[in-house]
Amino acid sequence: PRTSHLRKREQIVKVTPVVVTAGGSPQTCSGRHGHVIFSGVSIAASAVQTFTITNTIVTAGSHIMISMYGATTGSAPVIQSYTPGAGTFNVVVANGAGLTTTTANITFVFWVLD
């Protein structure tokens, strides 16, 4: 008989994100998994904007997986970089290829991996 290298089944646990409703920067969202909405966003074409999320789990050496959605038609916002710090992290968003200013709410979904 074949033996598997997996002796025990791993149990998948659903993790519900901490959800923060629309507001300006900075937003507070402490949890390993978060969903943060920033409102009042205005990023001109070829410009950048920094969004700050306060999170008590984050350290300067944290690894964070971040995705973003929300944009105005004709704009092209992308995550340019992120910088973790003690209890906070900044996400820099560029509207580099966009032809118009984005004024839509921007939502970040993140996982603190460490």
N, C-alpha and C. Protein backbone atom coordinates (compact mmCIF):
# COMPACT_ATOMS: atom_id res chain seq x y z
N PRO A 1 0.83 -1.19 0.00
CA PRO A 1 0.00 0.00 0.00
C PRO A 1 0.87 1.26 0.00
N ARG A 2 0.36 2.32 -0.61
CA ARG A 2 1.07 3.60 -0.65
C ARG A 2 0.90 4.32 0.69
N THR A 3 1.93 4.93 1.12
CA THR A 3 1.82 5.74 2.34
C THR A 3 1.96 7.20 1.96
N SER A 4 1.20 7.99 2.57
CA SER A 4 1.21 9.42 2.29
C SER A 4 2.14 10.13 3.25
N HIS A 5 2.76 11.19 2.76
CA HIS A 5 3.59 12.00 3.64
C HIS A 5 2.73 12.85 4.58
N LEU A 6 1.44 12.89 4.31
CA LEU A 6 0.54 13.62 5.20
C LEU A 6 -0.13 12.62 6.14
N ARG A 7 0.26 12.64 7.36
CA ARG A 7 -0.27 11.71 8.34
C ARG A 7 -1.62 12.15 8.90
N LYS A 8 -1.83 13.45 8.91
CA LYS A 8 -3.02 13.99 9.54
C LYS A 8 -3.63 15.04 8.62
N ARG A 9 -4.91 15.07 8.56
CA ARG A 9 -5.58 16.09 7.75
C ARG A 9 -5.49 17.43 8.46
N GLU A 10 -5.18 18.44 7.69
CA GLU A 10 -5.17 19.79 8.23
C GLU A 10 -6.59 20.33 8.23
N GLN A 11 -6.95 21.00 9.27
CA GLN A 11 -8.28 21.57 9.34
C GLN A 11 -8.22 23.00 8.83
N ILE A 12 -9.10 23.33 7.91
CA ILE A 12 -9.17 24.68 7.37
C ILE A 12 -10.12 25.47 8.25
N VAL A 13 -9.62 26.59 8.72
CA VAL A 13 -10.40 27.45 9.60
C VAL A 13 -10.69 28.75 8.88
N LYS A 14 -11.95 29.13 8.83
CA LYS A 14 -12.32 30.38 8.20
C LYS A 14 -11.98 31.53 9.14
N VAL A 15 -11.28 32.52 8.61
CA VAL A 15 -10.92 33.70 9.39
C VAL A 15 -11.71 34.88 8.85
N THR A 16 -12.50 35.49 9.69
CA THR A 16 -13.30 36.64 9.29
C THR A 16 -12.45 37.91 9.47
N PRO A 17 -12.38 38.74 8.43
CA PRO A 17 -11.56 39.95 8.55
C PRO A 17 -12.18 40.98 9.49
N VAL A 18 -11.34 41.79 10.07
CA VAL A 18 -11.79 42.97 10.81
C VAL A 18 -12.16 43.99 9.73
N VAL A 19 -13.41 44.46 9.74
CA VAL A 19 -13.88 45.37 8.70
C VAL A 19 -13.99 46.78 9.27
N VAL A 20 -13.38 47.74 8.55
CA VAL A 20 -13.44 49.14 8.95
C VAL A 20 -14.19 49.90 7.86
N THR A 21 -15.24 50.62 8.24
CA THR A 21 -16.06 51.33 7.26
C THR A 21 -15.34 52.57 6.74
N ALA A 22 -15.91 53.18 5.75
CA ALA A 22 -15.28 54.28 5.03
C ALA A 22 -14.89 55.44 5.94
N GLY A 23 -13.70 55.94 5.70
CA GLY A 23 -13.17 57.09 6.42
C GLY A 23 -11.87 57.53 5.79
N GLY A 24 -11.31 58.59 6.33
CA GLY A 24 -10.05 59.12 5.80
C GLY A 24 -8.86 58.48 6.46
N SER A 25 -7.68 58.83 5.95
CA SER A 25 -6.42 58.28 6.47
C SER A 25 -6.00 59.12 7.67
N PRO A 26 -5.56 58.52 8.77
CA PRO A 26 -5.33 57.09 9.00
C PRO A 26 -6.60 56.37 9.44
N GLN A 27 -6.62 55.06 9.20
CA GLN A 27 -7.69 54.19 9.66
C GLN A 27 -7.10 53.19 10.66
N THR A 28 -7.88 52.78 11.65
CA THR A 28 -7.42 51.80 12.63
C THR A 28 -8.10 50.47 12.36
N CYS A 29 -7.28 49.42 12.18
CA CYS A 29 -7.79 48.08 11.91
C CYS A 29 -6.80 47.08 12.48
N SER A 30 -6.99 46.69 13.73
CA SER A 30 -6.06 45.75 14.38
C SER A 30 -6.58 44.34 14.27
N GLY A 31 -5.86 43.53 13.56
CA GLY A 31 -6.19 42.14 13.34
C GLY A 31 -5.24 41.59 12.29
N ARG A 32 -5.10 40.29 12.23
CA ARG A 32 -4.22 39.68 11.21
C ARG A 32 -4.81 39.82 9.81
N HIS A 33 -6.14 39.86 9.72
CA HIS A 33 -6.82 39.94 8.44
C HIS A 33 -7.76 41.13 8.50
N GLY A 34 -7.60 42.08 7.59
CA GLY A 34 -8.42 43.28 7.64
C GLY A 34 -8.97 43.70 6.30
N HIS A 35 -10.01 44.53 6.37
CA HIS A 35 -10.71 45.06 5.19
C HIS A 35 -10.99 46.52 5.52
N VAL A 36 -10.24 47.44 4.88
CA VAL A 36 -10.31 48.86 5.23
C VAL A 36 -10.73 49.68 4.02
N ILE A 37 -11.73 50.54 4.20
CA ILE A 37 -12.22 51.40 3.13
C ILE A 37 -11.81 52.84 3.42
N PHE A 38 -11.17 53.47 2.44
CA PHE A 38 -10.81 54.88 2.54
C PHE A 38 -11.74 55.67 1.63
N SER A 39 -12.38 56.70 2.17
CA SER A 39 -13.26 57.56 1.38
C SER A 39 -12.61 58.94 1.24
N GLY A 40 -13.17 59.75 0.36
CA GLY A 40 -12.62 61.09 0.15
C GLY A 40 -11.29 61.06 -0.56
N VAL A 41 -11.05 60.00 -1.32
CA VAL A 41 -9.78 59.82 -2.02
C VAL A 41 -9.77 60.68 -3.28
N SER A 42 -8.64 61.31 -3.55
CA SER A 42 -8.46 62.06 -4.79
C SER A 42 -6.99 61.94 -5.18
N ILE A 43 -6.72 61.08 -6.19
CA ILE A 43 -5.35 60.89 -6.66
C ILE A 43 -5.32 61.32 -8.13
N ALA A 44 -4.64 62.42 -8.41
CA ALA A 44 -4.55 62.94 -9.78
C ALA A 44 -3.78 61.98 -10.67
N ALA A 45 -3.96 62.11 -11.97
CA ALA A 45 -3.18 61.32 -12.92
C ALA A 45 -1.70 61.57 -12.68
N SER A 46 -0.90 60.53 -12.69
CA SER A 46 0.56 60.57 -12.48
C SER A 46 0.96 60.95 -11.06
N ALA A 47 0.03 60.93 -10.11
CA ALA A 47 0.34 61.29 -8.73
C ALA A 47 0.33 60.05 -7.83
N VAL A 48 0.80 60.23 -6.60
CA VAL A 48 0.78 59.16 -5.60
C VAL A 48 0.11 59.69 -4.33
N GLN A 49 -0.41 58.77 -3.54
CA GLN A 49 -0.99 59.12 -2.24
C GLN A 49 -0.67 58.00 -1.27
N THR A 50 -0.38 58.39 -0.03
CA THR A 50 -0.07 57.43 1.03
C THR A 50 -1.27 57.26 1.94
N PHE A 51 -1.60 55.98 2.22
CA PHE A 51 -2.70 55.63 3.13
C PHE A 51 -2.08 54.95 4.34
N THR A 52 -2.51 55.33 5.54
CA THR A 52 -1.96 54.78 6.77
C THR A 52 -3.01 53.93 7.47
N ILE A 53 -2.60 52.72 7.85
CA ILE A 53 -3.45 51.81 8.62
C ILE A 53 -2.75 51.52 9.94
N THR A 54 -3.40 51.87 11.05
CA THR A 54 -2.87 51.58 12.38
C THR A 54 -3.31 50.17 12.76
N ASN A 55 -2.33 49.35 13.16
CA ASN A 55 -2.61 47.95 13.47
C ASN A 55 -1.63 47.50 14.55
N THR A 56 -2.13 47.13 15.72
CA THR A 56 -1.28 46.79 16.86
C THR A 56 -0.44 45.53 16.66
N ILE A 57 -0.79 44.70 15.67
CA ILE A 57 -0.05 43.46 15.42
C ILE A 57 1.21 43.72 14.60
N VAL A 58 1.19 44.77 13.80
CA VAL A 58 2.28 45.05 12.86
C VAL A 58 3.54 45.54 13.58
N THR A 59 4.68 45.03 13.11
CA THR A 59 5.99 45.50 13.58
C THR A 59 6.78 45.98 12.37
N ALA A 60 7.92 46.59 12.62
CA ALA A 60 8.75 47.10 11.52
C ALA A 60 9.20 46.00 10.57
N GLY A 61 9.27 44.77 11.05
CA GLY A 61 9.70 43.66 10.20
C GLY A 61 8.57 42.82 9.64
N SER A 62 7.34 43.27 9.78
CA SER A 62 6.18 42.49 9.34
C SER A 62 6.14 42.31 7.82
N HIS A 63 5.62 41.15 7.43
CA HIS A 63 5.33 40.87 6.02
C HIS A 63 3.82 40.92 5.88
N ILE A 64 3.35 41.73 4.95
CA ILE A 64 1.92 41.95 4.80
C ILE A 64 1.54 41.73 3.33
N MET A 65 0.52 40.92 3.12
CA MET A 65 -0.02 40.72 1.79
C MET A 65 -1.22 41.66 1.64
N ILE A 66 -1.18 42.52 0.62
CA ILE A 66 -2.20 43.55 0.46
C ILE A 66 -2.78 43.51 -0.95
N SER A 67 -4.09 43.62 -1.04
CA SER A 67 -4.73 43.83 -2.34
C SER A 67 -5.59 45.08 -2.24
N MET A 68 -5.93 45.64 -3.38
CA MET A 68 -6.66 46.90 -3.41
C MET A 68 -7.69 46.86 -4.52
N TYR A 69 -8.83 47.48 -4.28
CA TYR A 69 -9.80 47.66 -5.37
C TYR A 69 -10.54 48.97 -5.19
N GLY A 70 -11.12 49.45 -6.28
CA GLY A 70 -11.86 50.70 -6.30
C GLY A 70 -11.12 51.74 -7.12
N ALA A 71 -11.79 52.30 -8.13
CA ALA A 71 -11.18 53.33 -8.98
C ALA A 71 -12.25 54.01 -9.80
N THR A 72 -11.93 55.19 -10.27
CA THR A 72 -12.79 55.94 -11.18
C THR A 72 -12.45 55.51 -12.60
N THR A 73 -13.44 55.43 -13.48
CA THR A 73 -13.19 55.09 -14.88
C THR A 73 -12.15 56.04 -15.47
N GLY A 74 -11.16 55.48 -16.13
CA GLY A 74 -10.09 56.28 -16.75
C GLY A 74 -8.87 56.42 -15.87
N SER A 75 -8.98 56.01 -14.61
CA SER A 75 -7.82 56.06 -13.72
C SER A 75 -7.21 54.66 -13.64
N ALA A 76 -6.00 54.58 -13.10
CA ALA A 76 -5.32 53.28 -13.01
C ALA A 76 -4.49 53.19 -11.74
N PRO A 77 -5.13 53.24 -10.56
CA PRO A 77 -4.35 53.17 -9.33
C PRO A 77 -3.77 51.77 -9.09
N VAL A 78 -2.54 51.74 -8.63
CA VAL A 78 -1.85 50.50 -8.28
C VAL A 78 -1.09 50.71 -6.98
N ILE A 79 -0.89 49.62 -6.23
CA ILE A 79 -0.07 49.70 -5.03
C ILE A 79 1.38 49.81 -5.48
N GLN A 80 2.02 50.89 -5.09
CA GLN A 80 3.42 51.12 -5.46
C GLN A 80 4.36 50.50 -4.43
N SER A 81 3.99 50.62 -3.14
CA SER A 81 4.83 50.07 -2.07
C SER A 81 4.05 50.06 -0.77
N TYR A 82 4.62 49.35 0.21
CA TYR A 82 4.09 49.45 1.57
C TYR A 82 5.28 49.45 2.52
N THR A 83 5.09 50.10 3.67
CA THR A 83 6.14 50.19 4.67
C THR A 83 5.56 49.90 6.04
N PRO A 84 5.95 48.77 6.65
CA PRO A 84 5.48 48.47 8.00
C PRO A 84 6.31 49.22 9.04
N GLY A 85 5.68 49.55 10.15
CA GLY A 85 6.35 50.18 11.28
C GLY A 85 5.79 49.60 12.56
N ALA A 86 6.17 50.16 13.68
CA ALA A 86 5.68 49.69 14.97
C ALA A 86 4.22 50.11 15.14
N GLY A 87 3.30 49.15 14.97
CA GLY A 87 1.88 49.43 15.17
C GLY A 87 1.20 50.12 14.01
N THR A 88 1.82 50.17 12.85
CA THR A 88 1.23 50.85 11.71
C THR A 88 1.88 50.39 10.42
N PHE A 89 1.17 50.60 9.29
CA PHE A 89 1.83 50.45 8.00
C PHE A 89 1.23 51.44 7.01
N ASN A 90 2.09 51.89 6.10
CA ASN A 90 1.69 52.83 5.06
C ASN A 90 1.64 52.11 3.72
N VAL A 91 0.63 52.44 2.93
CA VAL A 91 0.49 51.90 1.58
C VAL A 91 0.52 53.08 0.62
N VAL A 92 1.47 53.06 -0.32
CA VAL A 92 1.58 54.12 -1.32
C VAL A 92 0.89 53.64 -2.59
N VAL A 93 -0.07 54.44 -3.05
CA VAL A 93 -0.82 54.12 -4.26
C VAL A 93 -0.48 55.15 -5.33
N ALA A 94 -0.14 54.66 -6.53
CA ALA A 94 0.17 55.53 -7.66
C ALA A 94 -0.94 55.44 -8.70
N ASN A 95 -1.27 56.57 -9.29
CA ASN A 95 -2.20 56.62 -10.41
C ASN A 95 -1.37 56.95 -11.65
N GLY A 96 -0.32 56.15 -11.86
CA GLY A 96 0.69 56.45 -12.87
C GLY A 96 0.22 56.37 -14.30
N ALA A 97 -0.56 55.36 -14.64
CA ALA A 97 -0.99 55.18 -16.03
C ALA A 97 -2.38 55.76 -16.26
N GLY A 98 -2.97 56.32 -15.23
CA GLY A 98 -4.33 56.85 -15.36
C GLY A 98 -4.37 58.16 -16.11
N LEU A 99 -5.44 58.37 -16.84
CA LEU A 99 -5.62 59.62 -17.58
C LEU A 99 -6.47 60.61 -16.80
N THR A 100 -7.18 60.11 -15.78
CA THR A 100 -8.05 60.97 -14.98
C THR A 100 -7.77 60.78 -13.50
N THR A 101 -8.23 61.72 -12.71
CA THR A 101 -8.13 61.63 -11.25
C THR A 101 -9.08 60.56 -10.75
N THR A 102 -8.62 59.74 -9.81
CA THR A 102 -9.53 58.77 -9.21
C THR A 102 -10.11 59.39 -7.94
N THR A 103 -11.42 59.34 -7.82
CA THR A 103 -12.10 59.89 -6.65
C THR A 103 -13.00 58.85 -5.99
N ALA A 104 -12.86 57.60 -6.40
CA ALA A 104 -13.67 56.52 -5.82
C ALA A 104 -13.09 56.10 -4.47
N ASN A 105 -13.93 55.49 -3.64
CA ASN A 105 -13.42 54.87 -2.41
C ASN A 105 -12.41 53.79 -2.79
N ILE A 106 -11.35 53.68 -2.01
CA ILE A 106 -10.35 52.63 -2.24
C ILE A 106 -10.40 51.69 -1.04
N THR A 107 -10.45 50.40 -1.33
CA THR A 107 -10.52 49.38 -0.30
C THR A 107 -9.25 48.53 -0.32
N PHE A 108 -8.66 48.36 0.85
CA PHE A 108 -7.50 47.47 1.00
C PHE A 108 -7.94 46.24 1.80
N VAL A 109 -7.54 45.08 1.34
CA VAL A 109 -7.73 43.85 2.07
C VAL A 109 -6.33 43.32 2.36
N PHE A 110 -6.05 43.00 3.62
CA PHE A 110 -4.68 42.62 3.96
C PHE A 110 -4.63 41.44 4.92
N TRP A 111 -3.47 40.77 4.90
CA TRP A 111 -3.11 39.72 5.85
C TRP A 111 -1.74 40.04 6.41
N VAL A 112 -1.63 40.08 7.72
CA VAL A 112 -0.31 40.18 8.37
C VAL A 112 0.18 38.75 8.50
N LEU A 113 1.27 38.43 7.83
CA LEU A 113 1.71 37.04 7.68
C LEU A 113 2.63 36.54 8.79
N ASP A 114 3.11 37.39 9.65
CA ASP A 114 4.02 36.91 10.69
C ASP A 114 3.42 36.98 12.07
